[in-house]
Amino acid sequence: MKKELTLEQALERLDNIVMQLEDGGLPLDKALKLFEEGTSLVRLCSSQMQEAQLKVEVLSKELLAKQKDI
């Protein structure tokens, strides 16, 4: 089973892919594979950021609830 990348690792890999694609000169099949990997990384990053946002919202609500009890 492949270990899921951290957000930072995925962003770093995505940056590397973008640089390779922008430099050009890649064979079409290599460029398409990189593009496909990049789109997968974007989905992964988006999912991880949504999870983090939900955690922040839950923690913020818990903190507000505790402050009201004080």
N, C-alpha and C. Protein backbone atom coordinates (compact mmCIF):
# COMPACT_ATOMS: atom_id res chain seq x y z
N MET A 1 0.85 -1.19 0.00
CA MET A 1 0.00 0.00 0.00
C MET A 1 0.89 1.24 0.00
N LYS A 2 0.61 2.15 -0.89
CA LYS A 2 1.42 3.36 -1.03
C LYS A 2 1.07 4.35 0.09
N LYS A 3 2.11 4.87 0.74
CA LYS A 3 1.91 5.83 1.81
C LYS A 3 1.45 7.16 1.23
N GLU A 4 0.41 7.74 1.85
CA GLU A 4 -0.10 9.02 1.37
C GLU A 4 0.88 10.13 1.72
N LEU A 5 1.08 11.01 0.78
CA LEU A 5 1.98 12.14 0.97
C LEU A 5 1.38 13.15 1.93
N THR A 6 2.24 13.86 2.64
CA THR A 6 1.77 14.99 3.43
C THR A 6 1.42 16.12 2.46
N LEU A 7 0.72 17.11 2.96
CA LEU A 7 0.37 18.26 2.14
C LEU A 7 1.63 18.93 1.60
N GLU A 8 2.61 19.08 2.46
CA GLU A 8 3.86 19.75 2.04
C GLU A 8 4.59 18.95 0.97
N GLN A 9 4.62 17.62 1.12
CA GLN A 9 5.28 16.78 0.12
C GLN A 9 4.54 16.84 -1.21
N ALA A 10 3.22 16.81 -1.15
CA ALA A 10 2.42 16.87 -2.37
C ALA A 10 2.60 18.21 -3.08
N LEU A 11 2.63 19.30 -2.33
CA LEU A 11 2.83 20.61 -2.93
C LEU A 11 4.22 20.74 -3.55
N GLU A 12 5.21 20.16 -2.89
CA GLU A 12 6.58 20.20 -3.43
C GLU A 12 6.65 19.41 -4.73
N ARG A 13 6.04 18.23 -4.75
CA ARG A 13 6.03 17.42 -5.97
C ARG A 13 5.26 18.14 -7.07
N LEU A 14 4.15 18.75 -6.73
CA LEU A 14 3.35 19.48 -7.70
C LEU A 14 4.15 20.64 -8.30
N ASP A 15 4.89 21.34 -7.47
CA ASP A 15 5.74 22.44 -7.94
C ASP A 15 6.79 21.91 -8.92
N ASN A 16 7.36 20.76 -8.61
CA ASN A 16 8.35 20.15 -9.49
C ASN A 16 7.73 19.78 -10.84
N ILE A 17 6.53 19.24 -10.80
CA ILE A 17 5.84 18.86 -12.04
C ILE A 17 5.56 20.10 -12.88
N VAL A 18 5.08 21.16 -12.25
CA VAL A 18 4.79 22.40 -12.98
C VAL A 18 6.05 22.93 -13.66
N MET A 19 7.17 22.91 -12.94
CA MET A 19 8.42 23.40 -13.54
C MET A 19 8.82 22.56 -14.76
N GLN A 20 8.67 21.24 -14.64
CA GLN A 20 9.01 20.37 -15.77
C GLN A 20 8.12 20.65 -16.98
N LEU A 21 6.83 20.82 -16.72
CA LEU A 21 5.90 21.07 -17.82
C LEU A 21 6.14 22.45 -18.45
N GLU A 22 6.45 23.44 -17.61
CA GLU A 22 6.70 24.79 -18.14
C GLU A 22 7.99 24.86 -18.94
N ASP A 23 8.99 24.06 -18.54
CA ASP A 23 10.25 24.05 -19.28
C ASP A 23 10.06 23.52 -20.69
N GLY A 24 9.07 22.66 -20.87
CA GLY A 24 8.80 22.11 -22.20
C GLY A 24 9.84 21.08 -22.60
N GLY A 25 9.77 20.69 -23.85
CA GLY A 25 10.73 19.75 -24.39
C GLY A 25 10.47 18.31 -23.99
N LEU A 26 9.40 18.05 -23.26
CA LEU A 26 9.09 16.68 -22.85
C LEU A 26 8.35 15.96 -23.97
N PRO A 27 8.59 14.67 -24.10
CA PRO A 27 7.77 13.90 -25.03
C PRO A 27 6.31 13.94 -24.56
N LEU A 28 5.40 13.84 -25.48
CA LEU A 28 3.98 13.96 -25.16
C LEU A 28 3.55 12.96 -24.09
N ASP A 29 3.97 11.71 -24.20
CA ASP A 29 3.54 10.72 -23.22
C ASP A 29 4.04 11.05 -21.82
N LYS A 30 5.25 11.56 -21.70
CA LYS A 30 5.80 11.96 -20.40
C LYS A 30 5.04 13.16 -19.85
N ALA A 31 4.75 14.13 -20.71
CA ALA A 31 3.99 15.32 -20.28
C ALA A 31 2.59 14.93 -19.80
N LEU A 32 1.95 14.01 -20.50
CA LEU A 32 0.62 13.57 -20.10
C LEU A 32 0.65 12.83 -18.76
N LYS A 33 1.68 12.00 -18.54
CA LYS A 33 1.80 11.30 -17.27
C LYS A 33 2.02 12.29 -16.13
N LEU A 34 2.85 13.29 -16.36
CA LEU A 34 3.08 14.31 -15.34
C LEU A 34 1.81 15.11 -15.07
N PHE A 35 1.08 15.45 -16.13
CA PHE A 35 -0.17 16.19 -15.96
C PHE A 35 -1.17 15.36 -15.15
N GLU A 36 -1.25 14.08 -15.45
CA GLU A 36 -2.16 13.19 -14.72
C GLU A 36 -1.76 13.11 -13.24
N GLU A 37 -0.47 12.97 -12.98
CA GLU A 37 0.02 12.94 -11.60
C GLU A 37 -0.30 14.26 -10.90
N GLY A 38 -0.12 15.35 -11.62
CA GLY A 38 -0.40 16.67 -11.06
C GLY A 38 -1.86 16.84 -10.67
N THR A 39 -2.76 16.37 -11.52
CA THR A 39 -4.18 16.50 -11.19
C THR A 39 -4.54 15.65 -9.97
N SER A 40 -3.91 14.49 -9.85
CA SER A 40 -4.13 13.65 -8.66
C SER A 40 -3.61 14.35 -7.41
N LEU A 41 -2.47 15.00 -7.53
CA LEU A 41 -1.91 15.73 -6.39
C LEU A 41 -2.79 16.91 -5.99
N VAL A 42 -3.36 17.59 -6.97
CA VAL A 42 -4.26 18.71 -6.66
C VAL A 42 -5.47 18.20 -5.88
N ARG A 43 -6.02 17.07 -6.29
CA ARG A 43 -7.16 16.49 -5.57
C ARG A 43 -6.76 16.10 -4.14
N LEU A 44 -5.58 15.52 -4.00
CA LEU A 44 -5.09 15.13 -2.68
C LEU A 44 -4.93 16.36 -1.78
N CYS A 45 -4.30 17.40 -2.31
CA CYS A 45 -4.09 18.64 -1.54
C CYS A 45 -5.43 19.26 -1.14
N SER A 46 -6.35 19.29 -2.07
CA SER A 46 -7.67 19.86 -1.79
C SER A 46 -8.37 19.09 -0.67
N SER A 47 -8.30 17.78 -0.74
CA SER A 47 -8.93 16.93 0.27
C SER A 47 -8.29 17.16 1.64
N GLN A 48 -6.97 17.20 1.68
CA GLN A 48 -6.28 17.41 2.96
C GLN A 48 -6.58 18.79 3.53
N MET A 49 -6.68 19.80 2.68
CA MET A 49 -6.99 21.14 3.16
C MET A 49 -8.43 21.23 3.67
N GLN A 50 -9.36 20.53 3.01
CA GLN A 50 -10.74 20.51 3.49
C GLN A 50 -10.83 19.84 4.85
N GLU A 51 -10.09 18.73 5.03
CA GLU A 51 -10.07 18.05 6.32
C GLU A 51 -9.52 18.97 7.41
N ALA A 52 -8.46 19.67 7.10
CA ALA A 52 -7.86 20.59 8.07
C ALA A 52 -8.84 21.71 8.42
N GLN A 53 -9.54 22.23 7.43
CA GLN A 53 -10.51 23.30 7.67
C GLN A 53 -11.63 22.81 8.58
N LEU A 54 -12.11 21.59 8.35
CA LEU A 54 -13.16 21.03 9.21
C LEU A 54 -12.67 20.88 10.64
N LYS A 55 -11.43 20.42 10.82
CA LYS A 55 -10.88 20.28 12.16
C LYS A 55 -10.80 21.63 12.86
N VAL A 56 -10.37 22.66 12.14
CA VAL A 56 -10.28 24.00 12.71
C VAL A 56 -11.67 24.49 13.13
N GLU A 57 -12.67 24.25 12.28
CA GLU A 57 -14.03 24.68 12.60
C GLU A 57 -14.55 23.97 13.85
N VAL A 58 -14.31 22.66 13.95
CA VAL A 58 -14.76 21.90 15.11
C VAL A 58 -14.07 22.40 16.37
N LEU A 59 -12.76 22.57 16.30
CA LEU A 59 -12.01 23.06 17.46
C LEU A 59 -12.44 24.46 17.87
N SER A 60 -12.72 25.31 16.89
CA SER A 60 -13.17 26.67 17.19
C SER A 60 -14.52 26.65 17.89
N LYS A 61 -15.43 25.80 17.42
CA LYS A 61 -16.75 25.69 18.05
C LYS A 61 -16.62 25.16 19.48
N GLU A 62 -15.74 24.17 19.67
CA GLU A 62 -15.52 23.63 21.01
C GLU A 62 -14.97 24.71 21.94
N LEU A 63 -14.04 25.50 21.45
CA LEU A 63 -13.45 26.57 22.25
C LEU A 63 -14.51 27.61 22.62
N LEU A 64 -15.33 27.99 21.66
CA LEU A 64 -16.39 28.96 21.94
C LEU A 64 -17.38 28.41 22.97
N ALA A 65 -17.70 27.14 22.86
CA ALA A 65 -18.63 26.52 23.81
C ALA A 65 -18.04 26.51 25.21
N LYS A 66 -16.76 26.22 25.32
CA LYS A 66 -16.10 26.21 26.64
C LYS A 66 -16.02 27.62 27.22
N GLN A 67 -15.81 28.62 26.37
CA GLN A 67 -15.73 30.00 26.85
C GLN A 67 -17.08 30.46 27.38
N LYS A 68 -18.16 29.99 26.78
CA LYS A 68 -19.49 30.37 27.24
C LYS A 68 -19.79 29.76 28.61
N ASP A 69 -19.17 28.61 28.89
CA ASP A 69 -19.38 27.94 30.18
C ASP A 69 -18.63 28.62 31.31
N ILE A 70 -17.66 29.44 30.97
CA ILE A 70 -16.82 30.09 32.01
C ILE A 70 -17.55 31.25 32.63
